[in-house]
N, C-alpha and C. Protein backbone atom coordinates (compact mmCIF):
# COMPACT_ATOMS: atom_id res chain seq x y z
N UNK A 1 87.69 110.22 115.20
CA UNK A 1 88.61 109.88 116.27
C UNK A 1 88.42 108.39 116.58
N UNK A 2 89.52 107.66 116.60
CA UNK A 2 89.46 106.22 116.83
C UNK A 2 89.07 105.92 118.28
N UNK A 3 88.51 104.73 118.51
CA UNK A 3 88.18 104.36 119.90
C UNK A 3 89.39 104.42 120.82
N UNK A 4 90.56 104.01 120.33
CA UNK A 4 91.78 104.08 121.14
C UNK A 4 92.10 105.52 121.51
N UNK A 5 91.96 106.44 120.55
CA UNK A 5 92.23 107.86 120.80
C UNK A 5 91.25 108.42 121.83
N UNK A 6 90.00 107.99 121.75
CA UNK A 6 89.00 108.46 122.72
C UNK A 6 89.36 107.99 124.13
N UNK A 7 89.75 106.73 124.26
CA UNK A 7 90.13 106.19 125.58
C UNK A 7 91.38 106.89 126.09
N UNK A 8 92.36 107.09 125.23
CA UNK A 8 93.58 107.78 125.62
C UNK A 8 93.28 109.21 126.08
N UNK A 9 92.45 109.91 125.33
CA UNK A 9 92.04 111.27 125.71
C UNK A 9 91.32 111.24 127.05
N UNK A 10 90.40 110.30 127.21
CA UNK A 10 89.60 110.22 128.44
C UNK A 10 90.49 110.03 129.67
N UNK A 11 91.42 109.11 129.60
CA UNK A 11 92.28 108.88 130.76
C UNK A 11 93.29 110.01 130.96
N UNK A 12 93.71 110.63 129.88
CA UNK A 12 94.61 111.79 130.02
C UNK A 12 93.91 112.94 130.74
N UNK A 13 92.63 113.14 130.43
CA UNK A 13 91.88 114.22 131.06
C UNK A 13 91.60 113.93 132.54
N UNK A 14 91.71 112.68 132.95
CA UNK A 14 91.37 112.32 134.33
C UNK A 14 92.56 112.33 135.28
N UNK A 15 93.76 112.60 134.79
CA UNK A 15 94.96 112.50 135.63
C UNK A 15 94.93 113.51 136.78
N UNK A 16 94.53 114.76 136.51
CA UNK A 16 94.47 115.77 137.57
C UNK A 16 93.49 115.35 138.66
N UNK A 17 92.32 114.85 138.25
CA UNK A 17 91.32 114.42 139.23
C UNK A 17 91.84 113.25 140.05
N UNK A 18 92.58 112.35 139.42
CA UNK A 18 93.18 111.23 140.15
C UNK A 18 94.15 111.73 141.21
N UNK A 19 95.04 112.63 140.82
CA UNK A 19 96.05 113.15 141.76
C UNK A 19 95.38 113.85 142.94
N UNK A 20 94.39 114.67 142.65
CA UNK A 20 93.68 115.39 143.71
C UNK A 20 92.94 114.40 144.61
N UNK A 21 92.37 113.36 144.02
CA UNK A 21 91.61 112.38 144.79
C UNK A 21 92.50 111.56 145.71
N UNK A 22 93.71 111.24 145.26
CA UNK A 22 94.65 110.56 146.15
C UNK A 22 94.91 111.44 147.36
N UNK A 23 95.14 112.72 147.11
CA UNK A 23 95.37 113.66 148.22
C UNK A 23 94.17 113.80 149.12
N UNK A 24 92.97 113.87 148.54
CA UNK A 24 91.75 113.98 149.34
C UNK A 24 91.56 112.73 150.19
N UNK A 25 91.75 111.57 149.58
CA UNK A 25 91.58 110.33 150.33
C UNK A 25 92.55 110.23 151.49
N UNK A 26 93.78 110.67 151.26
CA UNK A 26 94.79 110.66 152.33
C UNK A 26 94.43 111.67 153.41
N UNK A 27 93.97 112.84 153.00
CA UNK A 27 93.64 113.89 153.96
C UNK A 27 92.45 113.50 154.83
N UNK A 28 91.52 112.76 154.27
CA UNK A 28 90.33 112.37 155.04
C UNK A 28 90.63 111.22 156.00
N UNK A 29 91.76 110.59 155.85
CA UNK A 29 92.13 109.52 156.77
C UNK A 29 91.53 108.19 156.37
N UNK A 30 90.26 108.03 156.60
CA UNK A 30 89.56 106.79 156.24
C UNK A 30 88.23 107.15 155.58
N UNK A 31 88.27 107.66 154.36
CA UNK A 31 87.00 107.97 153.70
C UNK A 31 86.20 106.69 153.45
N UNK A 32 84.90 106.81 153.59
CA UNK A 32 84.03 105.67 153.32
C UNK A 32 83.99 105.40 151.82
N UNK A 33 83.63 104.19 151.45
CA UNK A 33 83.52 103.85 150.03
C UNK A 33 82.49 104.74 149.35
N UNK A 34 81.43 105.07 150.07
CA UNK A 34 80.41 105.96 149.49
C UNK A 34 80.99 107.34 149.20
N UNK A 35 81.93 107.80 150.03
CA UNK A 35 82.58 109.09 149.77
C UNK A 35 83.45 109.01 148.52
N UNK A 36 84.13 107.89 148.34
CA UNK A 36 84.95 107.72 147.14
C UNK A 36 84.07 107.71 145.89
N UNK A 37 82.93 107.03 145.98
CA UNK A 37 82.02 106.99 144.83
C UNK A 37 81.39 108.36 144.57
N UNK A 38 81.03 109.07 145.64
CA UNK A 38 80.46 110.42 145.48
C UNK A 38 81.49 111.35 144.86
N UNK A 39 82.71 111.30 145.35
CA UNK A 39 83.77 112.13 144.81
C UNK A 39 84.01 111.79 143.34
N UNK A 40 84.08 110.50 143.04
CA UNK A 40 84.26 110.08 141.65
C UNK A 40 83.13 110.55 140.76
N UNK A 41 81.90 110.49 141.28
CA UNK A 41 80.75 110.94 140.50
C UNK A 41 80.81 112.44 140.22
N UNK A 42 81.15 113.22 141.24
CA UNK A 42 81.24 114.67 141.05
C UNK A 42 82.34 115.01 140.05
N UNK A 43 83.53 114.45 140.25
CA UNK A 43 84.62 114.71 139.32
C UNK A 43 84.25 114.24 137.91
N UNK A 44 83.64 113.05 137.81
CA UNK A 44 83.28 112.51 136.50
C UNK A 44 82.25 113.35 135.77
N UNK A 45 81.21 113.77 136.47
CA UNK A 45 80.17 114.59 135.84
C UNK A 45 80.74 115.94 135.40
N UNK A 46 81.47 116.58 136.28
CA UNK A 46 82.05 117.89 135.93
C UNK A 46 83.03 117.74 134.77
N UNK A 47 83.86 116.70 134.81
CA UNK A 47 84.84 116.49 133.74
C UNK A 47 84.16 116.13 132.42
N UNK A 48 82.98 115.54 132.46
CA UNK A 48 82.24 115.23 131.24
C UNK A 48 81.53 116.47 130.68
N UNK A 49 81.07 117.34 131.55
CA UNK A 49 80.33 118.53 131.12
C UNK A 49 81.24 119.58 130.50
N UNK A 50 82.41 119.79 131.08
CA UNK A 50 83.26 120.90 130.62
C UNK A 50 83.71 120.78 129.16
N UNK A 51 84.07 119.59 128.64
CA UNK A 51 84.42 119.57 127.22
C UNK A 51 83.21 119.83 126.32
N UNK A 52 82.02 119.46 126.79
CA UNK A 52 80.81 119.75 126.02
C UNK A 52 80.60 121.26 125.95
N UNK A 53 80.80 121.94 127.08
CA UNK A 53 80.68 123.40 127.09
C UNK A 53 81.68 124.00 126.11
N UNK A 54 82.92 123.52 126.15
CA UNK A 54 83.93 124.00 125.22
C UNK A 54 83.58 123.70 123.78
N UNK A 55 83.07 122.51 123.53
CA UNK A 55 82.70 122.11 122.17
C UNK A 55 81.58 122.99 121.64
N UNK A 56 80.57 123.25 122.48
CA UNK A 56 79.45 124.10 122.07
C UNK A 56 79.94 125.53 121.80
N UNK A 57 80.80 126.00 122.65
CA UNK A 57 81.33 127.36 122.47
C UNK A 57 82.12 127.47 121.18
N UNK A 58 82.89 126.42 120.86
CA UNK A 58 83.64 126.38 119.61
C UNK A 58 84.56 127.56 119.41
N UNK A 59 84.67 127.95 118.19
CA UNK A 59 85.59 129.01 117.79
C UNK A 59 85.20 130.35 118.39
N UNK A 60 83.92 130.63 118.50
CA UNK A 60 83.46 131.95 118.97
C UNK A 60 83.98 132.28 120.36
N UNK A 61 84.03 131.29 121.23
CA UNK A 61 84.42 131.57 122.61
C UNK A 61 85.85 131.16 122.92
N UNK A 62 86.57 130.61 121.95
CA UNK A 62 87.90 130.07 122.27
C UNK A 62 88.84 131.13 122.81
N UNK A 63 88.80 132.33 122.28
CA UNK A 63 89.71 133.36 122.78
C UNK A 63 89.35 133.76 124.21
N UNK A 64 88.05 133.80 124.54
CA UNK A 64 87.64 134.13 125.91
C UNK A 64 88.04 133.02 126.88
N UNK A 65 87.76 131.78 126.50
CA UNK A 65 88.09 130.65 127.37
C UNK A 65 89.59 130.60 127.63
N UNK A 66 90.37 130.75 126.58
CA UNK A 66 91.82 130.70 126.73
C UNK A 66 92.33 131.90 127.53
N UNK A 67 91.60 132.99 127.50
CA UNK A 67 92.05 134.19 128.20
C UNK A 67 91.85 134.10 129.71
N UNK A 68 90.88 133.32 130.17
CA UNK A 68 90.57 133.30 131.60
C UNK A 68 90.66 131.95 132.27
N UNK A 69 90.76 130.85 131.52
CA UNK A 69 90.71 129.53 132.17
C UNK A 69 91.83 129.33 133.17
N UNK A 70 93.00 129.84 132.89
CA UNK A 70 94.13 129.67 133.81
C UNK A 70 93.92 130.46 135.10
N UNK A 71 93.29 131.63 135.02
CA UNK A 71 93.02 132.41 136.23
C UNK A 71 91.96 131.73 137.09
N UNK A 72 90.92 131.20 136.43
CA UNK A 72 89.88 130.48 137.18
C UNK A 72 90.45 129.24 137.85
N UNK A 73 91.21 128.46 137.10
CA UNK A 73 91.80 127.24 137.66
C UNK A 73 92.73 127.58 138.82
N UNK A 74 93.58 128.60 138.64
CA UNK A 74 94.49 129.00 139.71
C UNK A 74 93.72 129.45 140.94
N UNK A 75 92.73 130.31 140.75
CA UNK A 75 91.97 130.83 141.88
C UNK A 75 91.28 129.73 142.67
N UNK A 76 90.60 128.83 141.97
CA UNK A 76 89.89 127.74 142.66
C UNK A 76 90.87 126.80 143.35
N UNK A 77 91.89 126.35 142.63
CA UNK A 77 92.82 125.38 143.21
C UNK A 77 93.66 125.99 144.32
N UNK A 78 94.08 127.23 144.14
CA UNK A 78 94.87 127.90 145.19
C UNK A 78 94.03 128.08 146.45
N UNK A 79 92.79 128.51 146.30
CA UNK A 79 91.93 128.72 147.47
C UNK A 79 91.69 127.41 148.22
N UNK A 80 91.35 126.37 147.48
CA UNK A 80 91.11 125.07 148.12
C UNK A 80 92.40 124.54 148.74
N UNK A 81 93.51 124.66 148.02
CA UNK A 81 94.79 124.17 148.53
C UNK A 81 95.23 124.89 149.79
N UNK A 82 95.14 126.21 149.80
CA UNK A 82 95.53 126.97 150.98
C UNK A 82 94.60 126.68 152.16
N UNK A 83 93.32 126.48 151.87
CA UNK A 83 92.38 126.14 152.93
C UNK A 83 92.72 124.78 153.54
N UNK A 84 93.05 123.81 152.70
CA UNK A 84 93.44 122.48 153.20
C UNK A 84 94.72 122.57 154.03
N UNK A 85 95.68 123.35 153.55
CA UNK A 85 96.93 123.52 154.28
C UNK A 85 96.68 124.16 155.64
N UNK A 86 95.86 125.19 155.66
CA UNK A 86 95.50 125.86 156.91
C UNK A 86 94.84 124.88 157.87
N UNK A 87 93.89 124.11 157.35
CA UNK A 87 93.17 123.15 158.19
C UNK A 87 94.10 122.07 158.74
N UNK A 88 95.05 121.64 157.93
CA UNK A 88 95.98 120.60 158.39
C UNK A 88 96.88 121.10 159.51
N UNK A 89 97.25 122.35 159.44
CA UNK A 89 98.19 122.90 160.43
C UNK A 89 97.47 123.36 161.69
N UNK A 90 96.29 123.98 161.56
CA UNK A 90 95.66 124.61 162.72
C UNK A 90 94.34 124.01 163.19
N UNK A 91 93.85 122.96 162.55
CA UNK A 91 92.56 122.42 163.00
C UNK A 91 92.71 121.62 164.28
N UNK A 92 91.60 121.50 164.99
CA UNK A 92 91.57 120.67 166.19
C UNK A 92 91.50 119.21 165.78
N UNK A 93 91.94 118.34 166.63
CA UNK A 93 91.99 116.91 166.31
C UNK A 93 90.61 116.35 165.96
N UNK A 94 89.55 116.88 166.56
CA UNK A 94 88.22 116.34 166.31
C UNK A 94 87.46 117.11 165.24
N UNK A 95 88.12 118.06 164.57
CA UNK A 95 87.45 118.86 163.55
C UNK A 95 87.17 118.03 162.31
N UNK A 96 86.08 118.39 161.62
CA UNK A 96 85.71 117.72 160.38
C UNK A 96 86.73 118.08 159.30
N UNK A 97 87.30 117.11 158.58
CA UNK A 97 88.25 117.43 157.53
C UNK A 97 87.61 118.32 156.47
N UNK A 98 88.37 119.29 156.01
CA UNK A 98 87.86 120.25 155.04
C UNK A 98 87.41 119.56 153.76
N UNK A 99 88.03 118.45 153.41
CA UNK A 99 87.73 117.76 152.18
C UNK A 99 86.34 117.16 152.11
N UNK A 100 85.63 117.04 153.22
CA UNK A 100 84.30 116.44 153.20
C UNK A 100 83.22 117.44 152.78
N UNK A 101 83.55 118.70 152.71
CA UNK A 101 82.60 119.72 152.29
C UNK A 101 82.28 119.55 150.80
N UNK A 102 80.98 119.56 150.46
CA UNK A 102 80.59 119.45 149.05
C UNK A 102 81.07 120.66 148.26
N UNK A 103 81.08 121.83 148.90
CA UNK A 103 81.55 123.04 148.22
C UNK A 103 83.01 122.89 147.82
N UNK A 104 83.84 122.37 148.72
CA UNK A 104 85.25 122.16 148.41
C UNK A 104 85.39 121.12 147.31
N UNK A 105 84.62 120.05 147.39
CA UNK A 105 84.66 119.01 146.37
C UNK A 105 84.31 119.59 145.00
N UNK A 106 83.24 120.38 144.92
CA UNK A 106 82.80 120.95 143.65
C UNK A 106 83.83 121.95 143.12
N UNK A 107 84.35 122.80 143.99
CA UNK A 107 85.36 123.78 143.55
C UNK A 107 86.60 123.08 143.01
N UNK A 108 87.00 122.01 143.67
CA UNK A 108 88.17 121.26 143.23
C UNK A 108 87.89 120.58 141.89
N UNK A 109 86.70 120.01 141.74
CA UNK A 109 86.34 119.36 140.47
C UNK A 109 86.33 120.36 139.33
N UNK A 110 85.78 121.53 139.57
CA UNK A 110 85.75 122.56 138.53
C UNK A 110 87.17 123.02 138.22
N UNK A 111 87.95 123.26 139.24
CA UNK A 111 89.32 123.72 139.03
C UNK A 111 90.17 122.76 138.24
N UNK A 112 89.97 121.46 138.45
CA UNK A 112 90.78 120.47 137.73
C UNK A 112 90.23 120.17 136.34
N UNK A 113 89.03 120.65 136.02
CA UNK A 113 88.42 120.29 134.74
C UNK A 113 88.40 121.43 133.72
N UNK A 114 88.89 122.59 134.08
CA UNK A 114 88.83 123.71 133.13
C UNK A 114 89.66 123.45 131.87
N UNK A 115 90.73 122.67 132.00
CA UNK A 115 91.50 122.35 130.80
C UNK A 115 90.68 121.50 129.83
N UNK A 116 89.72 120.74 130.36
CA UNK A 116 88.85 119.93 129.50
C UNK A 116 87.96 120.82 128.64
N UNK A 117 87.64 122.02 129.12
CA UNK A 117 86.85 122.94 128.32
C UNK A 117 87.65 123.36 127.08
N UNK A 118 88.92 123.64 127.26
CA UNK A 118 89.77 124.01 126.13
C UNK A 118 89.89 122.83 125.15
N UNK A 119 89.98 121.62 125.68
CA UNK A 119 90.00 120.44 124.82
C UNK A 119 88.69 120.35 124.03
N UNK A 120 87.58 120.66 124.69
CA UNK A 120 86.29 120.66 124.01
C UNK A 120 86.24 121.63 122.85
N UNK A 121 86.86 122.80 123.02
CA UNK A 121 86.92 123.76 121.92
C UNK A 121 87.66 123.14 120.74
N UNK A 122 88.78 122.48 121.01
CA UNK A 122 89.54 121.87 119.91
C UNK A 122 88.76 120.72 119.27
N UNK A 123 87.94 120.03 120.05
CA UNK A 123 87.14 118.93 119.50
C UNK A 123 86.08 119.44 118.53
N UNK A 124 85.71 120.72 118.65
CA UNK A 124 84.72 121.30 117.74
C UNK A 124 85.24 121.30 116.31
N UNK A 125 86.55 121.25 116.12
CA UNK A 125 87.14 121.27 114.79
C UNK A 125 87.37 119.87 114.23
N UNK A 126 87.10 118.87 115.02
CA UNK A 126 87.30 117.48 114.59
C UNK A 126 85.95 116.82 114.36
N UNK A 127 85.98 115.76 113.60
CA UNK A 127 84.76 114.99 113.34
C UNK A 127 84.59 113.97 114.46
N UNK A 128 84.06 114.42 115.61
CA UNK A 128 83.88 113.54 116.76
C UNK A 128 82.44 113.58 117.22
N UNK A 129 82.03 112.50 117.85
CA UNK A 129 80.74 112.47 118.51
C UNK A 129 80.99 112.93 119.94
N UNK A 130 80.63 114.18 120.23
CA UNK A 130 80.97 114.77 121.53
C UNK A 130 80.31 114.01 122.68
N UNK A 131 79.16 113.40 122.44
CA UNK A 131 78.49 112.64 123.50
C UNK A 131 79.34 111.43 123.88
N UNK A 132 79.88 110.73 122.89
CA UNK A 132 80.72 109.57 123.15
C UNK A 132 82.00 109.99 123.88
N UNK A 133 82.63 111.06 123.39
CA UNK A 133 83.88 111.52 123.99
C UNK A 133 83.64 112.00 125.43
N UNK A 134 82.60 112.79 125.64
CA UNK A 134 82.30 113.31 126.99
C UNK A 134 81.95 112.17 127.94
N UNK A 135 81.22 111.19 127.46
CA UNK A 135 80.87 110.03 128.29
C UNK A 135 82.14 109.26 128.68
N UNK A 136 83.03 109.06 127.72
CA UNK A 136 84.28 108.36 128.01
C UNK A 136 85.11 109.14 129.03
N UNK A 137 85.19 110.45 128.87
CA UNK A 137 85.95 111.28 129.82
C UNK A 137 85.32 111.19 131.21
N UNK A 138 84.01 111.27 131.27
CA UNK A 138 83.32 111.19 132.56
C UNK A 138 83.52 109.85 133.25
N UNK A 139 83.41 108.76 132.49
CA UNK A 139 83.60 107.43 133.08
C UNK A 139 85.05 107.21 133.54
N UNK A 140 86.00 107.62 132.70
CA UNK A 140 87.41 107.47 133.08
C UNK A 140 87.71 108.27 134.34
N UNK A 141 87.17 109.49 134.41
CA UNK A 141 87.43 110.33 135.57
C UNK A 141 86.76 109.76 136.81
N UNK A 142 85.55 109.22 136.66
CA UNK A 142 84.88 108.56 137.78
C UNK A 142 85.74 107.43 138.34
N UNK A 143 86.23 106.58 137.45
CA UNK A 143 87.06 105.44 137.87
C UNK A 143 88.36 105.90 138.52
N UNK A 144 89.03 106.85 137.88
CA UNK A 144 90.33 107.32 138.39
C UNK A 144 90.17 108.07 139.71
N UNK A 145 89.13 108.88 139.82
CA UNK A 145 88.92 109.65 141.05
C UNK A 145 88.52 108.75 142.20
N UNK A 146 87.58 107.84 141.96
CA UNK A 146 87.17 106.91 143.02
C UNK A 146 88.35 106.05 143.46
N UNK A 147 89.09 105.53 142.49
CA UNK A 147 90.27 104.73 142.81
C UNK A 147 91.33 105.53 143.55
N UNK A 148 91.50 106.78 143.15
CA UNK A 148 92.46 107.65 143.81
C UNK A 148 92.12 107.89 145.27
N UNK A 149 90.83 108.08 145.55
CA UNK A 149 90.40 108.26 146.95
C UNK A 149 90.73 107.02 147.77
N UNK A 150 90.51 105.85 147.19
CA UNK A 150 90.77 104.61 147.93
C UNK A 150 92.27 104.37 148.12
N UNK A 151 93.07 104.75 147.13
CA UNK A 151 94.53 104.67 147.31
C UNK A 151 94.96 105.65 148.39
N UNK A 152 94.42 106.85 148.34
CA UNK A 152 94.73 107.86 149.36
C UNK A 152 94.30 107.42 150.74
N UNK A 153 93.24 106.64 150.81
CA UNK A 153 92.76 106.12 152.09
C UNK A 153 93.85 105.31 152.79
N UNK A 154 94.56 104.50 152.03
CA UNK A 154 95.65 103.69 152.60
C UNK A 154 96.76 104.57 153.14
N UNK A 155 97.07 105.62 152.42
CA UNK A 155 98.11 106.55 152.85
C UNK A 155 97.65 107.32 154.09
N UNK A 156 96.40 107.77 154.06
CA UNK A 156 95.87 108.63 155.11
C UNK A 156 95.75 107.97 156.47
N UNK A 157 95.59 106.66 156.49
CA UNK A 157 95.50 105.97 157.77
C UNK A 157 96.77 106.19 158.59
N UNK A 158 97.86 106.42 157.93
CA UNK A 158 99.14 106.58 158.62
C UNK A 158 99.64 108.03 158.66
N UNK A 159 99.19 108.83 157.70
CA UNK A 159 99.76 110.17 157.56
C UNK A 159 98.69 111.24 157.38
N UNK A 160 97.56 111.15 158.06
CA UNK A 160 96.41 112.02 157.85
C UNK A 160 96.70 113.50 157.71
N UNK A 161 97.18 114.15 158.77
CA UNK A 161 97.41 115.60 158.72
C UNK A 161 98.52 115.97 157.74
N UNK A 162 99.56 115.18 157.73
CA UNK A 162 100.66 115.45 156.79
C UNK A 162 100.13 115.34 155.36
N UNK A 163 99.33 114.31 155.10
CA UNK A 163 98.78 114.12 153.76
C UNK A 163 97.86 115.28 153.38
N UNK A 164 97.07 115.78 154.32
CA UNK A 164 96.20 116.92 154.03
C UNK A 164 97.03 118.15 153.68
N UNK A 165 98.11 118.37 154.41
CA UNK A 165 99.00 119.50 154.11
C UNK A 165 99.64 119.33 152.74
N UNK A 166 100.13 118.13 152.45
CA UNK A 166 100.75 117.87 151.14
C UNK A 166 99.72 118.04 150.03
N UNK A 167 98.49 117.55 150.24
CA UNK A 167 97.44 117.71 149.23
C UNK A 167 97.14 119.18 149.00
N UNK A 168 97.09 119.96 150.07
CA UNK A 168 96.86 121.39 149.92
C UNK A 168 97.96 122.07 149.14
N UNK A 169 99.20 121.72 149.45
CA UNK A 169 100.34 122.28 148.71
C UNK A 169 100.29 121.84 147.25
N UNK A 170 99.93 120.58 147.02
CA UNK A 170 99.85 120.06 145.65
C UNK A 170 98.77 120.79 144.85
N UNK A 171 97.61 121.02 145.46
CA UNK A 171 96.55 121.75 144.76
C UNK A 171 96.99 123.17 144.43
N UNK A 172 97.59 123.84 145.40
CA UNK A 172 98.09 125.19 145.14
C UNK A 172 99.13 125.15 144.03
N UNK A 173 100.04 124.19 144.09
CA UNK A 173 101.07 124.05 143.06
C UNK A 173 100.50 123.76 141.69
N UNK A 174 99.47 122.91 141.63
CA UNK A 174 98.81 122.62 140.36
C UNK A 174 98.20 123.88 139.78
N UNK A 175 97.50 124.63 140.62
CA UNK A 175 96.92 125.90 140.17
C UNK A 175 97.99 126.86 139.69
N UNK A 176 99.08 126.96 140.43
CA UNK A 176 100.18 127.86 140.06
C UNK A 176 100.82 127.42 138.75
N UNK A 177 101.01 126.12 138.56
CA UNK A 177 101.62 125.64 137.32
C UNK A 177 100.72 125.91 136.12
N UNK A 178 99.41 125.79 136.30
CA UNK A 178 98.47 126.12 135.22
C UNK A 178 98.59 127.59 134.87
N UNK A 179 98.63 128.44 135.89
CA UNK A 179 98.75 129.88 135.68
C UNK A 179 100.07 130.22 134.96
N UNK A 180 101.17 129.70 135.44
CA UNK A 180 102.48 129.99 134.84
C UNK A 180 102.55 129.48 133.40
N UNK A 181 102.03 128.27 133.17
CA UNK A 181 102.05 127.70 131.83
C UNK A 181 101.32 128.59 130.84
N UNK A 182 100.17 129.10 131.23
CA UNK A 182 99.39 129.95 130.32
C UNK A 182 99.98 131.35 130.18
N UNK A 183 100.56 131.87 131.24
CA UNK A 183 101.13 133.22 131.16
C UNK A 183 102.44 133.24 130.36
N UNK A 184 103.15 132.12 130.32
CA UNK A 184 104.41 132.08 129.59
C UNK A 184 104.27 131.51 128.19
N UNK A 185 103.09 131.07 127.83
CA UNK A 185 102.87 130.48 126.49
C UNK A 185 102.78 131.54 125.42
């Protein structure tokens, strides 16, 4: 795999994390830079690990991974999305935003990275250095997720609760689209 292909793959795998991070940054209103870096690190590490898991599993586990990844992604993203929507509509003004919870952050990172596991399975059939590819995916996702939180920060200063509701709907929609795509394929 050429260096250009690795970079293209890495940034392609980070798009979901970027979109979610923009929503998280907006929902949090004014996330600190340390929160953006922490979020980027969590998304980056999870996004780097999942293709390695898929690569290691290879052909033996591909049918299992393909059979359940869409249900896992839908369940995680739908739960987090509905929770964010609920919090945006019914939380008190001084309540802690749901997005600051590490559990929510981790569930969202896992939900957005399950497709990377399937990519990892396909990489098992190619002559690639999985460490290089996984590192590139992790770094790209770190940059995109951290940047997304900071972009969302600008939006959230003006549209905090609305942005949290939209982010929740977007997460639910992302999970639903993953589920529909796999069920109709």
